[in-house]
């Protein structure tokens, strides 16, 4: 379970220059927050929605505020939180693996981060004297389309395709290779490749599966305290539609 510092609510005014977001806090103060997301943020960049920010006291930082979550309207008046902080996905996954919450990846003795494979770098390698090794690449999913399904990627992803090729090569060599979708959106209940956005990625994913790459998807569950999200757990297996 990944815990958060005290989060402060506000309303998103706009995101701009990729890494900046204007947010109006509940006090009425307007602040500039760091937006830790290099993607298109399709469907999660919605001005007027409630957002949650963390604050740093580090004097060396240019911006004290960081945009963490956005609260998105769903069908029938429901609301769902989605993470915009892609940098937290690996930490969430790592803690879930170590806790045994991702059952297909449980029981390995050691975990190594940032593993260089050929011309790519994968997120994790798990090792065990009895189980052998498993190589894992993590992708955060927050795109929920109008049809109600979750998709990855939210824009053309040359890097994502490169990672799929690396996993495919490992599987063809007899290694266990896993693509893990970290579904950081409470309203997403399944995942598919976004062929309508990046057909090359979708084709590469199909080829990876044919080669023996395992594709897993797990969704977040949030804990709340005093009206604010305080912790997130990744333990909800979701179907993947190839």
Protein backbone atom coordinates (compact mmCIF):
# COMPACT_ATOMS: atom_id res chain seq x y z
CA UNK A 1 0.00 0.00 0.00
CA UNK A 2 1.38 3.39 -1.02
CA UNK A 3 0.67 6.26 1.35
CA UNK A 4 0.45 9.93 0.45
CA UNK A 5 1.36 13.10 2.28
CA UNK A 6 -1.49 15.37 3.28
CA UNK A 7 -3.32 16.19 0.04
CA UNK A 8 -5.02 19.53 -0.59
CA UNK A 9 -8.13 19.81 -2.77
CA UNK A 10 -8.73 22.39 -5.46
CA UNK A 11 -10.26 22.89 -8.89
CA UNK A 12 -8.29 22.48 -12.11
CA UNK A 13 -8.25 25.64 -14.17
CA UNK A 14 -5.90 24.57 -16.96
CA UNK A 15 -2.88 22.46 -17.84
CA UNK A 16 -0.27 24.04 -20.13
CA UNK A 17 3.35 23.71 -21.29
CA UNK A 18 2.97 19.98 -20.47
CA UNK A 19 4.34 20.29 -16.93
CA UNK A 20 2.28 23.14 -15.47
CA UNK A 21 -1.27 23.33 -14.12
CA UNK A 22 -3.21 26.25 -12.65
CA UNK A 23 -5.35 25.19 -9.69
CA UNK A 24 -7.72 27.20 -7.50
CA UNK A 25 -7.56 25.94 -3.92
CA UNK A 26 -10.62 25.83 -1.69
CA UNK A 27 -9.32 28.93 0.05
CA UNK A 28 -9.63 30.81 -3.24
CA UNK A 29 -5.87 31.04 -3.72
CA UNK A 30 -4.65 30.22 -7.23
CA UNK A 31 -1.42 28.22 -7.43
CA UNK A 32 0.78 26.77 -10.16
CA UNK A 33 1.37 23.04 -9.70
CA UNK A 34 3.85 20.71 -11.32
CA UNK A 35 2.09 18.26 -13.67
CA UNK A 36 4.15 15.03 -13.51
CA UNK A 37 2.79 13.53 -16.71
CA UNK A 38 4.41 13.73 -20.16
CA UNK A 39 1.49 12.09 -21.98
CA UNK A 40 -1.53 13.56 -23.69
CA UNK A 41 -3.62 13.07 -20.50
CA UNK A 42 -6.59 12.38 -22.76
CA UNK A 43 -9.75 12.15 -20.61
CA UNK A 44 -7.98 13.19 -17.38
CA UNK A 45 -7.17 16.79 -18.27
CA UNK A 46 -10.62 18.19 -17.52
CA UNK A 47 -10.79 21.82 -16.32
CA UNK A 48 -13.44 22.41 -13.71
CA UNK A 49 -12.93 19.06 -12.00
CA UNK A 50 -11.77 18.65 -8.43
CA UNK A 51 -8.09 17.80 -8.08
CA UNK A 52 -5.77 16.88 -5.22
CA UNK A 53 -2.31 18.37 -4.75
CA UNK A 54 0.67 17.47 -2.58
CA UNK A 55 2.97 20.15 -1.22
CA UNK A 56 6.74 20.02 -0.77
CA UNK A 57 8.75 22.14 1.66
CA UNK A 58 11.96 21.60 -0.31
CA UNK A 59 13.35 25.12 -0.94
CA UNK A 60 15.23 23.90 -4.04
CA UNK A 61 12.02 23.08 -5.88
CA UNK A 62 10.71 25.67 -8.33
CA UNK A 63 7.12 24.65 -7.64
CA UNK A 64 5.94 23.60 -4.19
CA UNK A 65 2.73 21.98 -5.44
CA UNK A 66 2.36 18.70 -7.36
CA UNK A 67 -0.83 17.57 -9.06
CA UNK A 68 -1.59 14.01 -7.87
CA UNK A 69 -5.22 13.09 -8.60
CA UNK A 70 -8.28 14.27 -10.49
CA UNK A 71 -11.90 13.45 -9.62
CA UNK A 72 -13.83 12.61 -12.79
CA UNK A 73 -17.60 12.36 -13.32
CA UNK A 74 -18.87 8.91 -14.31
CA UNK A 75 -22.29 7.65 -15.35
CA UNK A 76 -25.30 8.20 -13.10
CA UNK A 77 -23.57 10.93 -11.10
CA UNK A 78 -20.76 8.76 -9.74
CA UNK A 79 -17.22 10.07 -9.31
CA UNK A 80 -13.89 8.30 -9.81
CA UNK A 81 -10.36 9.33 -8.91
CA UNK A 82 -7.57 8.96 -11.47
CA UNK A 83 -3.87 9.47 -10.91
CA UNK A 84 -2.05 11.96 -13.12
CA UNK A 85 1.34 11.27 -11.51
CA UNK A 86 2.90 8.65 -13.78
CA UNK A 87 6.04 8.62 -11.65
CA UNK A 88 4.18 6.91 -8.81
CA UNK A 89 3.04 3.88 -10.84
CA UNK A 90 6.23 1.86 -10.36
CA UNK A 91 6.23 2.47 -6.60
CA UNK A 92 2.60 1.36 -6.38
CA UNK A 93 3.39 -1.78 -8.38
CA UNK A 94 6.53 -2.57 -6.40
CA UNK A 95 4.71 -2.38 -3.09
CA UNK A 96 1.90 -4.55 -4.46
CA UNK A 97 4.39 -7.18 -5.63
CA UNK A 98 6.22 -7.20 -2.28
CA UNK A 99 2.90 -7.50 -0.43
CA UNK A 100 1.86 -10.46 -2.56
CA UNK A 101 -1.18 -8.61 -3.89
CA UNK A 102 -0.35 -9.47 -7.52
CA UNK A 103 -0.78 -13.22 -7.26
CA UNK A 104 0.88 -14.23 -10.58
CA UNK A 105 4.03 -12.40 -9.45
CA UNK A 106 4.09 -13.57 -5.83
CA UNK A 107 6.75 -15.73 -4.19
CA UNK A 108 9.96 -14.39 -5.72
CA UNK A 109 12.87 -13.72 -3.39
CA UNK A 110 14.50 -10.67 -4.96
CA UNK A 111 13.36 -7.63 -6.92
CA UNK A 112 15.62 -5.46 -9.08
CA UNK A 113 14.54 -2.13 -10.59
CA UNK A 114 15.47 -0.65 -13.97
CA UNK A 115 16.85 -3.70 -15.77
CA UNK A 116 18.77 -3.13 -19.02
CA UNK A 117 17.73 -5.56 -21.75
CA UNK A 118 19.33 -5.15 -25.18
CA UNK A 119 18.51 -1.56 -26.22
CA UNK A 120 15.63 -1.14 -23.75
CA UNK A 121 15.25 -0.71 -20.02
CA UNK A 122 12.47 -2.65 -18.27
CA UNK A 123 11.00 -1.71 -14.91
CA UNK A 124 11.58 -4.85 -12.81
CA UNK A 125 13.21 -8.27 -12.69
CA UNK A 126 12.08 -10.77 -10.07
CA UNK A 127 14.35 -13.70 -9.24
CA UNK A 128 14.01 -16.89 -7.24
CA UNK A 129 16.14 -20.08 -7.06
CA UNK A 130 13.10 -22.25 -7.71
CA UNK A 131 10.89 -20.02 -9.89
CA UNK A 132 13.66 -18.53 -12.02
CA UNK A 133 13.29 -14.99 -13.35
CA UNK A 134 10.48 -12.79 -14.62
CA UNK A 135 10.93 -9.49 -16.46
CA UNK A 136 8.21 -6.86 -16.00
CA UNK A 137 7.31 -3.65 -17.78
CA UNK A 138 4.72 -1.38 -16.11
CA UNK A 139 2.33 0.96 -17.91
CA UNK A 140 -0.09 3.30 -16.14
CA UNK A 141 -3.61 3.36 -17.59
CA UNK A 142 -5.96 6.31 -17.08
CA UNK A 143 -7.73 6.60 -20.45
CA UNK A 144 -11.42 5.73 -20.22
CA UNK A 145 -13.17 6.27 -23.54
CA UNK A 146 -16.83 7.05 -24.19
CA UNK A 147 -17.56 3.34 -24.67
CA UNK A 148 -16.76 2.80 -20.97
CA UNK A 149 -13.59 0.77 -21.53
CA UNK A 150 -10.00 1.49 -20.52
CA UNK A 151 -7.25 1.81 -23.11
CA UNK A 152 -3.48 2.19 -23.44
CA UNK A 153 -1.72 4.24 -24.74
CA UNK A 154 -3.45 7.63 -24.71
CA UNK A 155 -1.19 8.88 -27.54
CA UNK A 156 1.24 7.30 -29.98
CA UNK A 157 3.92 5.56 -27.89
CA UNK A 158 7.14 4.70 -29.70
CA UNK A 159 8.75 3.95 -26.35
CA UNK A 160 5.90 1.63 -25.37
CA UNK A 161 6.29 -0.31 -28.61
CA UNK A 162 10.03 -0.58 -27.97
CA UNK A 163 9.31 -2.13 -24.56
CA UNK A 164 6.94 -4.64 -26.18
CA UNK A 165 9.67 -5.68 -28.62
CA UNK A 166 12.05 -6.22 -25.69
CA UNK A 167 9.48 -8.37 -23.85
CA UNK A 168 8.77 -10.32 -27.04
CA UNK A 169 12.46 -11.06 -27.54
CA UNK A 170 12.73 -12.34 -23.96
CA UNK A 171 9.67 -14.58 -24.38
CA UNK A 172 11.08 -16.00 -27.61
CA UNK A 173 14.26 -16.87 -25.70
CA UNK A 174 12.23 -18.84 -23.17
CA UNK A 175 12.20 -16.20 -20.42
CA UNK A 176 9.09 -15.22 -18.52
CA UNK A 177 8.07 -11.73 -19.65
CA UNK A 178 5.14 -9.71 -18.30
CA UNK A 179 3.44 -6.49 -19.31
CA UNK A 180 1.59 -5.11 -16.29
CA UNK A 181 -1.06 -2.44 -16.71
CA UNK A 182 -1.35 -0.38 -13.52
CA UNK A 183 -4.91 0.90 -13.89
CA UNK A 184 -4.81 4.12 -11.89
CA UNK A 185 -8.44 5.10 -12.51
CA UNK A 186 -11.21 3.88 -10.21
CA UNK A 187 -13.75 3.91 -13.05
CA UNK A 188 -11.86 1.57 -15.40
CA UNK A 189 -12.85 -2.10 -15.21
CA UNK A 190 -10.98 -3.60 -18.16
CA UNK A 191 -8.10 -2.69 -20.48
CA UNK A 192 -7.46 -2.99 -24.21
CA UNK A 193 -4.76 -1.73 -26.59
CA UNK A 194 -5.79 1.63 -28.06
CA UNK A 195 -5.69 0.58 -31.72
CA UNK A 196 -7.71 3.70 -32.60
CA UNK A 197 -4.85 5.84 -31.25
CA UNK A 198 -1.72 3.77 -31.89
CA UNK A 199 -2.32 0.81 -34.25
CA UNK A 200 1.41 0.01 -34.29
CA UNK A 201 1.38 -0.50 -30.52
CA UNK A 202 -1.75 -2.64 -30.74
CA UNK A 203 -0.16 -4.86 -33.40
CA UNK A 204 3.03 -5.16 -31.33
CA UNK A 205 1.00 -6.19 -28.29
CA UNK A 206 -0.81 -8.90 -30.26
CA UNK A 207 2.55 -10.19 -31.53
CA UNK A 208 3.95 -10.15 -28.00
CA UNK A 209 1.06 -12.24 -26.70
CA UNK A 210 1.54 -14.71 -29.56
CA UNK A 211 5.20 -14.98 -28.55
CA UNK A 212 4.27 -15.83 -24.96
CA UNK A 213 4.34 -12.46 -23.19
CA UNK A 214 1.88 -12.42 -20.28
CA UNK A 215 -0.38 -9.37 -19.99
CA UNK A 216 -1.81 -8.51 -16.57
CA UNK A 217 -3.99 -5.62 -15.45
CA UNK A 218 -4.60 -4.56 -11.85
CA UNK A 219 -6.73 -1.67 -10.64
CA UNK A 220 -6.33 0.70 -7.72
CA UNK A 221 -8.34 0.86 -4.52
CA UNK A 222 -8.12 4.07 -2.48
CA UNK A 223 -8.31 4.55 1.27
CA UNK A 224 -9.79 7.82 2.54
CA UNK A 225 -9.40 9.66 5.81
CA UNK A 226 -11.09 12.90 6.84
CA UNK A 227 -12.43 13.37 3.32
CA UNK A 228 -9.07 13.00 1.54
CA UNK A 229 -7.30 10.08 -0.18
CA UNK A 230 -4.40 8.88 1.98
CA UNK A 231 -3.31 5.54 0.51
CA UNK A 232 -3.64 3.46 -2.64
CA UNK A 233 -3.44 -0.29 -3.09
CA UNK A 234 -3.10 -2.28 -6.31
CA UNK A 235 -4.86 -5.59 -5.72
CA UNK A 236 -7.87 -5.66 -8.07
CA UNK A 237 -7.29 -7.97 -11.07
CA UNK A 238 -8.96 -6.74 -14.25
CA UNK A 239 -9.58 -8.43 -17.62
CA UNK A 240 -7.44 -7.51 -20.62
CA UNK A 241 -9.06 -7.46 -24.05
CA UNK A 242 -6.44 -8.13 -26.72
